[in-house]
Amino acid sequence: MRTWYKISQTADDAADGKKNEPYRNFTRLQIAGTLPPGAAIYGTDDAGPDPLSMYFSPVAVSISLVLIRELGGVPCPAPKLSEVIPVVGAAFNTDFDKE
């Protein structure tokens, strides 16, 4: 089973920027051309207590699990493609929940 992870952020977290560290790291890898195929982060704006959620593909989890967990990431089901937006590295990922 290929596990996805999710990090949820409050408005204060988003303003602080700490939980955006994985995004910054993945962007650097993508710009350098060294982001592995399938490594991707997706986001969503949720109405409710967690205004932003970041979803990490299984390949993304495999290269940054320690950081994801340090930032409160938890295992989750694969998101539905229609419910997320690509953030970084999303072009080649197909491990979505089939709608």
N, C-alpha and C. Protein backbone atom coordinates (compact mmCIF):
# COMPACT_ATOMS: atom_id res chain seq x y z
N MET A 1 0.84 -1.19 0.00
CA MET A 1 0.00 0.00 0.00
C MET A 1 0.88 1.24 0.00
N ARG A 2 0.57 2.14 -0.85
CA ARG A 2 1.31 3.39 -0.96
C ARG A 2 0.58 4.45 -0.16
N THR A 3 1.24 4.96 0.88
CA THR A 3 0.59 5.84 1.84
C THR A 3 0.79 7.31 1.49
N TRP A 4 -0.29 8.03 1.49
CA TRP A 4 -0.29 9.48 1.39
C TRP A 4 -0.24 10.06 2.79
N TYR A 5 0.24 11.30 2.91
CA TYR A 5 0.23 12.03 4.18
C TYR A 5 -0.38 13.40 3.95
N LYS A 6 -0.92 13.94 5.03
CA LYS A 6 -1.57 15.25 4.99
C LYS A 6 -1.06 16.10 6.15
N ILE A 7 -0.73 17.36 5.85
CA ILE A 7 -0.42 18.34 6.87
C ILE A 7 -1.52 19.40 6.81
N SER A 8 -2.17 19.65 7.93
CA SER A 8 -3.20 20.68 8.00
C SER A 8 -2.62 21.91 8.68
N GLN A 9 -3.02 23.07 8.20
CA GLN A 9 -2.53 24.33 8.75
C GLN A 9 -3.70 25.22 9.16
N THR A 10 -3.53 25.86 10.28
CA THR A 10 -4.47 26.91 10.68
C THR A 10 -4.02 28.20 9.99
N ALA A 11 -4.80 29.23 10.11
CA ALA A 11 -4.41 30.53 9.55
C ALA A 11 -3.11 31.02 10.18
N ASP A 12 -2.94 30.79 11.49
CA ASP A 12 -1.70 31.20 12.17
C ASP A 12 -0.50 30.43 11.64
N ASP A 13 -0.68 29.11 11.39
CA ASP A 13 0.40 28.31 10.82
C ASP A 13 0.80 28.84 9.45
N ALA A 14 -0.19 29.16 8.64
CA ALA A 14 0.08 29.66 7.29
C ALA A 14 0.85 30.97 7.35
N ALA A 15 0.49 31.84 8.28
CA ALA A 15 1.17 33.12 8.42
C ALA A 15 2.60 32.93 8.92
N ASP A 16 2.79 31.95 9.81
CA ASP A 16 4.12 31.66 10.38
C ASP A 16 5.07 31.13 9.30
N GLY A 17 4.56 30.31 8.39
CA GLY A 17 5.37 29.79 7.29
C GLY A 17 6.15 28.53 7.57
N LYS A 18 6.25 28.09 8.82
CA LYS A 18 7.06 26.90 9.15
C LYS A 18 6.58 25.66 8.41
N LYS A 19 5.26 25.47 8.35
CA LYS A 19 4.75 24.26 7.70
C LYS A 19 4.88 24.30 6.19
N ASN A 20 5.38 25.42 5.65
CA ASN A 20 5.63 25.50 4.21
C ASN A 20 7.03 25.02 3.84
N GLU A 21 7.79 24.58 4.82
CA GLU A 21 9.15 24.11 4.56
C GLU A 21 9.21 22.99 3.52
N PRO A 22 8.32 21.97 3.59
CA PRO A 22 8.37 20.93 2.56
C PRO A 22 8.15 21.50 1.16
N TYR A 23 7.23 22.44 1.04
CA TYR A 23 6.98 23.08 -0.25
C TYR A 23 8.26 23.74 -0.79
N ARG A 24 8.94 24.49 0.07
CA ARG A 24 10.17 25.16 -0.36
C ARG A 24 11.23 24.14 -0.78
N ASN A 25 11.37 23.06 -0.02
CA ASN A 25 12.36 22.02 -0.36
C ASN A 25 12.03 21.36 -1.69
N PHE A 26 10.77 21.01 -1.89
CA PHE A 26 10.37 20.35 -3.13
C PHE A 26 10.52 21.28 -4.32
N THR A 27 10.25 22.56 -4.14
CA THR A 27 10.42 23.53 -5.22
C THR A 27 11.88 23.60 -5.63
N ARG A 28 12.78 23.61 -4.66
CA ARG A 28 14.23 23.63 -4.97
C ARG A 28 14.61 22.39 -5.79
N LEU A 29 14.12 21.23 -5.37
CA LEU A 29 14.43 20.00 -6.10
C LEU A 29 13.87 20.03 -7.52
N GLN A 30 12.65 20.56 -7.66
CA GLN A 30 12.05 20.63 -8.99
C GLN A 30 12.83 21.57 -9.89
N ILE A 31 13.22 22.72 -9.38
CA ILE A 31 13.99 23.68 -10.17
C ILE A 31 15.34 23.07 -10.57
N ALA A 32 15.95 22.32 -9.67
CA ALA A 32 17.25 21.69 -9.96
C ALA A 32 17.11 20.47 -10.87
N GLY A 33 15.88 20.04 -11.12
CA GLY A 33 15.66 18.87 -11.97
C GLY A 33 15.91 17.56 -11.27
N THR A 34 15.90 17.56 -9.93
CA THR A 34 16.20 16.34 -9.19
C THR A 34 15.01 15.81 -8.39
N LEU A 35 13.84 16.37 -8.59
CA LEU A 35 12.64 15.86 -7.91
C LEU A 35 12.24 14.55 -8.57
N PRO A 36 12.17 13.45 -7.81
CA PRO A 36 11.84 12.16 -8.42
C PRO A 36 10.45 12.16 -9.05
N PRO A 37 10.26 11.44 -10.15
CA PRO A 37 8.93 11.32 -10.74
C PRO A 37 7.94 10.80 -9.71
N GLY A 38 6.79 11.40 -9.66
CA GLY A 38 5.76 10.98 -8.71
C GLY A 38 5.80 11.69 -7.38
N ALA A 39 6.89 12.42 -7.10
CA ALA A 39 6.98 13.18 -5.86
C ALA A 39 6.20 14.47 -6.06
N ALA A 40 5.12 14.63 -5.31
CA ALA A 40 4.27 15.79 -5.53
C ALA A 40 3.58 16.22 -4.24
N ILE A 41 3.27 17.51 -4.20
CA ILE A 41 2.48 18.08 -3.11
C ILE A 41 1.26 18.72 -3.75
N TYR A 42 0.12 18.47 -3.16
CA TYR A 42 -1.15 19.06 -3.59
C TYR A 42 -1.73 19.83 -2.42
N GLY A 43 -2.54 20.81 -2.71
CA GLY A 43 -3.15 21.61 -1.65
C GLY A 43 -4.63 21.77 -1.86
N THR A 44 -5.28 22.20 -0.80
CA THR A 44 -6.69 22.50 -0.86
C THR A 44 -7.02 23.59 0.15
N ASP A 45 -7.97 24.42 -0.18
CA ASP A 45 -8.48 25.40 0.76
C ASP A 45 -9.78 24.84 1.31
N ASP A 46 -9.78 24.51 2.59
CA ASP A 46 -10.96 23.94 3.23
C ASP A 46 -11.68 25.01 4.01
N ALA A 47 -12.97 25.00 3.91
CA ALA A 47 -13.76 25.85 4.82
C ALA A 47 -13.82 25.11 6.14
N GLY A 48 -13.49 25.75 7.21
CA GLY A 48 -13.50 25.09 8.50
C GLY A 48 -12.25 25.44 9.29
N PRO A 49 -11.95 24.64 10.30
CA PRO A 49 -10.85 24.97 11.19
C PRO A 49 -9.47 24.85 10.55
N ASP A 50 -9.32 24.08 9.50
CA ASP A 50 -8.04 23.92 8.81
C ASP A 50 -8.14 24.55 7.43
N PRO A 51 -7.79 25.84 7.30
CA PRO A 51 -8.00 26.51 6.03
C PRO A 51 -7.14 25.98 4.88
N LEU A 52 -6.04 25.32 5.20
CA LEU A 52 -5.18 24.80 4.14
C LEU A 52 -4.68 23.43 4.52
N SER A 53 -4.76 22.51 3.59
CA SER A 53 -4.20 21.17 3.78
C SER A 53 -3.24 20.90 2.65
N MET A 54 -2.11 20.27 2.97
CA MET A 54 -1.15 19.84 1.97
C MET A 54 -1.13 18.32 1.96
N TYR A 55 -1.25 17.75 0.78
CA TYR A 55 -1.22 16.30 0.61
C TYR A 55 0.08 15.92 -0.07
N PHE A 56 0.74 14.90 0.46
CA PHE A 56 2.03 14.45 -0.05
C PHE A 56 1.85 13.07 -0.68
N SER A 57 2.25 12.96 -1.95
CA SER A 57 2.16 11.68 -2.66
C SER A 57 3.07 10.65 -1.99
N PRO A 58 2.83 9.38 -2.25
CA PRO A 58 3.70 8.35 -1.65
C PRO A 58 5.18 8.54 -1.94
N VAL A 59 5.54 8.97 -3.14
CA VAL A 59 6.95 9.19 -3.45
C VAL A 59 7.47 10.38 -2.64
N ALA A 60 6.66 11.43 -2.51
CA ALA A 60 7.06 12.58 -1.69
C ALA A 60 7.28 12.15 -0.24
N VAL A 61 6.41 11.29 0.25
CA VAL A 61 6.54 10.78 1.62
C VAL A 61 7.85 10.01 1.76
N SER A 62 8.20 9.24 0.75
CA SER A 62 9.41 8.42 0.85
C SER A 62 10.68 9.25 0.97
N ILE A 63 10.66 10.49 0.49
CA ILE A 63 11.89 11.30 0.57
C ILE A 63 11.85 12.36 1.67
N SER A 64 10.70 12.51 2.35
CA SER A 64 10.66 13.54 3.41
C SER A 64 9.74 13.18 4.57
N LEU A 65 9.64 11.90 4.87
CA LEU A 65 8.74 11.46 5.94
C LEU A 65 9.08 12.08 7.29
N VAL A 66 10.34 12.17 7.64
CA VAL A 66 10.72 12.72 8.95
C VAL A 66 10.21 14.15 9.09
N LEU A 67 10.46 14.98 8.09
CA LEU A 67 10.00 16.37 8.14
C LEU A 67 8.48 16.45 8.15
N ILE A 68 7.82 15.66 7.33
CA ILE A 68 6.36 15.65 7.29
C ILE A 68 5.79 15.32 8.67
N ARG A 69 6.35 14.31 9.32
CA ARG A 69 5.88 13.95 10.67
C ARG A 69 6.18 15.04 11.69
N GLU A 70 7.37 15.65 11.60
CA GLU A 70 7.71 16.73 12.53
C GLU A 70 6.72 17.89 12.44
N LEU A 71 6.16 18.08 11.27
CA LEU A 71 5.23 19.19 11.05
C LEU A 71 3.77 18.77 11.26
N GLY A 72 3.57 17.61 11.87
CA GLY A 72 2.23 17.17 12.21
C GLY A 72 1.52 16.38 11.13
N GLY A 73 2.26 15.93 10.13
CA GLY A 73 1.66 15.14 9.06
C GLY A 73 1.15 13.81 9.56
N VAL A 74 0.03 13.40 8.99
CA VAL A 74 -0.59 12.12 9.36
C VAL A 74 -0.96 11.35 8.09
N PRO A 75 -0.94 10.01 8.17
CA PRO A 75 -1.37 9.22 7.02
C PRO A 75 -2.82 9.54 6.68
N CYS A 76 -3.14 9.47 5.40
CA CYS A 76 -4.50 9.75 4.96
C CYS A 76 -4.77 8.99 3.67
N PRO A 77 -6.03 8.88 3.30
CA PRO A 77 -6.34 8.29 1.99
C PRO A 77 -5.87 9.23 0.87
N ALA A 78 -5.68 8.68 -0.29
CA ALA A 78 -5.34 9.51 -1.45
C ALA A 78 -6.48 10.50 -1.67
N PRO A 79 -6.14 11.76 -1.94
CA PRO A 79 -7.20 12.73 -2.18
C PRO A 79 -7.83 12.49 -3.55
N LYS A 80 -9.01 13.04 -3.75
CA LYS A 80 -9.64 13.02 -5.06
C LYS A 80 -9.05 14.16 -5.88
N LEU A 81 -8.68 13.86 -7.09
CA LEU A 81 -8.06 14.85 -7.94
C LEU A 81 -8.91 16.11 -8.07
N SER A 82 -10.22 15.95 -8.07
CA SER A 82 -11.11 17.11 -8.22
C SER A 82 -11.15 18.00 -6.98
N GLU A 83 -10.58 17.54 -5.87
CA GLU A 83 -10.65 18.29 -4.62
C GLU A 83 -9.34 18.95 -4.23
N VAL A 84 -8.30 18.80 -5.06
CA VAL A 84 -6.99 19.39 -4.74
C VAL A 84 -6.46 20.16 -5.94
N ILE A 85 -5.47 21.00 -5.63
CA ILE A 85 -4.78 21.72 -6.69
C ILE A 85 -3.30 21.34 -6.64
N PRO A 86 -2.64 21.23 -7.79
CA PRO A 86 -1.21 20.91 -7.77
C PRO A 86 -0.42 22.07 -7.19
N VAL A 87 0.55 21.74 -6.34
CA VAL A 87 1.39 22.76 -5.73
C VAL A 87 2.80 22.67 -6.30
N VAL A 88 3.38 21.49 -6.25
CA VAL A 88 4.73 21.29 -6.80
C VAL A 88 4.89 19.82 -7.21
N GLY A 89 5.54 19.60 -8.35
CA GLY A 89 5.85 18.25 -8.79
C GLY A 89 4.68 17.42 -9.23
N ALA A 90 3.56 18.02 -9.54
CA ALA A 90 2.33 17.27 -9.75
C ALA A 90 2.15 16.69 -11.14
N ALA A 91 2.95 17.08 -12.09
CA ALA A 91 2.69 16.73 -13.49
C ALA A 91 2.66 15.23 -13.78
N PHE A 92 3.40 14.44 -13.04
CA PHE A 92 3.50 13.02 -13.41
C PHE A 92 2.90 12.08 -12.38
N ASN A 93 2.10 12.58 -11.47
CA ASN A 93 1.56 11.74 -10.42
C ASN A 93 0.20 11.19 -10.82
N THR A 94 0.01 9.88 -10.62
CA THR A 94 -1.27 9.23 -10.96
C THR A 94 -1.82 8.42 -9.81
N ASP A 95 -1.29 8.59 -8.60
CA ASP A 95 -1.70 7.77 -7.47
C ASP A 95 -2.91 8.35 -6.72
N PHE A 96 -3.91 8.83 -7.46
CA PHE A 96 -5.07 9.45 -6.83
C PHE A 96 -6.17 8.43 -6.56
N ASP A 97 -7.01 8.82 -5.63
CA ASP A 97 -8.24 8.09 -5.40
C ASP A 97 -9.04 8.18 -6.68
N LYS A 98 -9.45 7.05 -7.20
CA LYS A 98 -10.23 7.04 -8.43
C LYS A 98 -11.65 7.51 -8.12
N GLU A 99 -12.10 8.51 -8.83
CA GLU A 99 -13.40 9.12 -8.54
C GLU A 99 -14.52 8.39 -9.22
